[in-house]
Structures are given as C-alpha cells and as structure tokens.
C-alpha cells in the first residue's frame, strides 16, 4: 500500500519534532494544497522508497520528476523501473549505500550528495536529506528531500581546479610588489627571486605593453578610483609566455 503525499508530509512534520495538531486540523483539501506548494518549490523534489532491494518507489513529487526531465509520474516510473535506486547515477550508487549503511532505524536521518541522471542522459548534483519512516503496513521506507546543487558543485570544482593567485602592491607608479602568494607564483611558473630579477619586483613590468596603458592610464584607473567590483582582463608574462588572466583588484588606503 502506497502512502499518500499528505501522509508522508505528516510523517515529516512529526519526525522533525513539530506539533502536528495544527496539521491535523487542516481540511483534506488544505493538506493537498500544502503538498502542492511543496511540489512548487523548485529545484527541491520529494521522493520516497521502501527500504528493500533497489528501494521500490513509494512516492515522487511533481517537482522531483520534473527536475529529472519527465513530464508525468507514469513516464518517470517507467523510466526508473519503479525503483529509487535507478534515480542515482550508477557510479555513485555504492558510495551512497555505504554512507547510508548506519542509518537503519525508524527516525534515523541522513544527508548525502550524489548525481542524478536526467531523461536526456545529462547529470546533475543533488543533496539528499531525509529520514526513515514506517508505512501503514509496517514496512520501513526512506523519505527524501532532494535539492539541485549543480551550480554549487560547479563553483567548488572551479575553485579547486582553476589556479587563483593573490598579490599586493604599493601605490607607486610601477606598482612595486609587497607580497605575492605561492599560488600566484605557481600559476606563472616563477619563484620569488625570479620576480625580483626579471621584473625588478614591479607588477607593471609583468603586464603586456599593449595592456599597460589600458590598465594604468586615465583617471578611472587610478588606484583610489578603481571599481572594487570590476574585473580586469589583461595579459601577464608567465614563464611560458603571455597568458590572459582575470583580475579583481581592490584599493586599500594606509591606516
């Protein structure tokens, strides 16, 4: 016997220690309205499955199957062969099982991230937060809220894989270096001694001649007038030759 979405919502209220008396006072229509509101909170979907092999599907909200690219519940059910396990990208499945291994009792909570396959075959990242509940027929089931975190994971990937360096310069005509980070040096292939010997320890000497005028000339480019939110694109001399970089620079007055 499958639980209704209203019953599942009730369980989630109760399992989170909320006073459910107010929920019980709602009319059936108002309960359905509450569930429809939940369905409309994108990109968050709700899905449930029995704690049995493959996690046979108990429930999936409209937001859940829409997020995966399906136009109806029936289409979604057929595509996953009625099993929640098939909503998890196969390369992540065993890891997800390992992370859930210690969550066995009713009321147990879990939080896990993994990739889901869309109808078109593309993947997206979700964070899955849920609980183990007991259905009316005494079977244990998982009930999860899944949020699309693809943008967050992409930013994390970029942060970990795109070299980012930091430097600090004096407010002098040639912007003498006061400090350069190790990542700045690694990105360009230099040592700290190289910066001193090859560029006289001056930031301006590293900039491509065609870009210096654009970067440093003009009233708007004076240090104190620079827009702190503006990003500057220019070529800087790396050990292997000039490379394009994006630079967000802020002016700091002496205290």
Foldseek 3Di string as FASTA:
>chain_A
DADDPLVVVLVVCVLVPHDCPVVVPDDPVVSVVVVVVVLPPPPKWKWKFFPDVLGFTRDTGPNRLVNLPDDDPVVVCVVQVRGPLLQFPPVCSVVVCVQCVVQDDFSGKGWDKGWGHHPVGDIFIWIWIWGWHADPVGTIMIMIMIHTPRVVVVVVVCVVPPQDWDWAFDQDLQGATPDTDPSRCVVQVHDPVCCCPVQVRGQNSFFDPVCSCVQCDDPCNRQVNDDQPDWDWGWGQGPVGTDIDIDRDHHDDDD
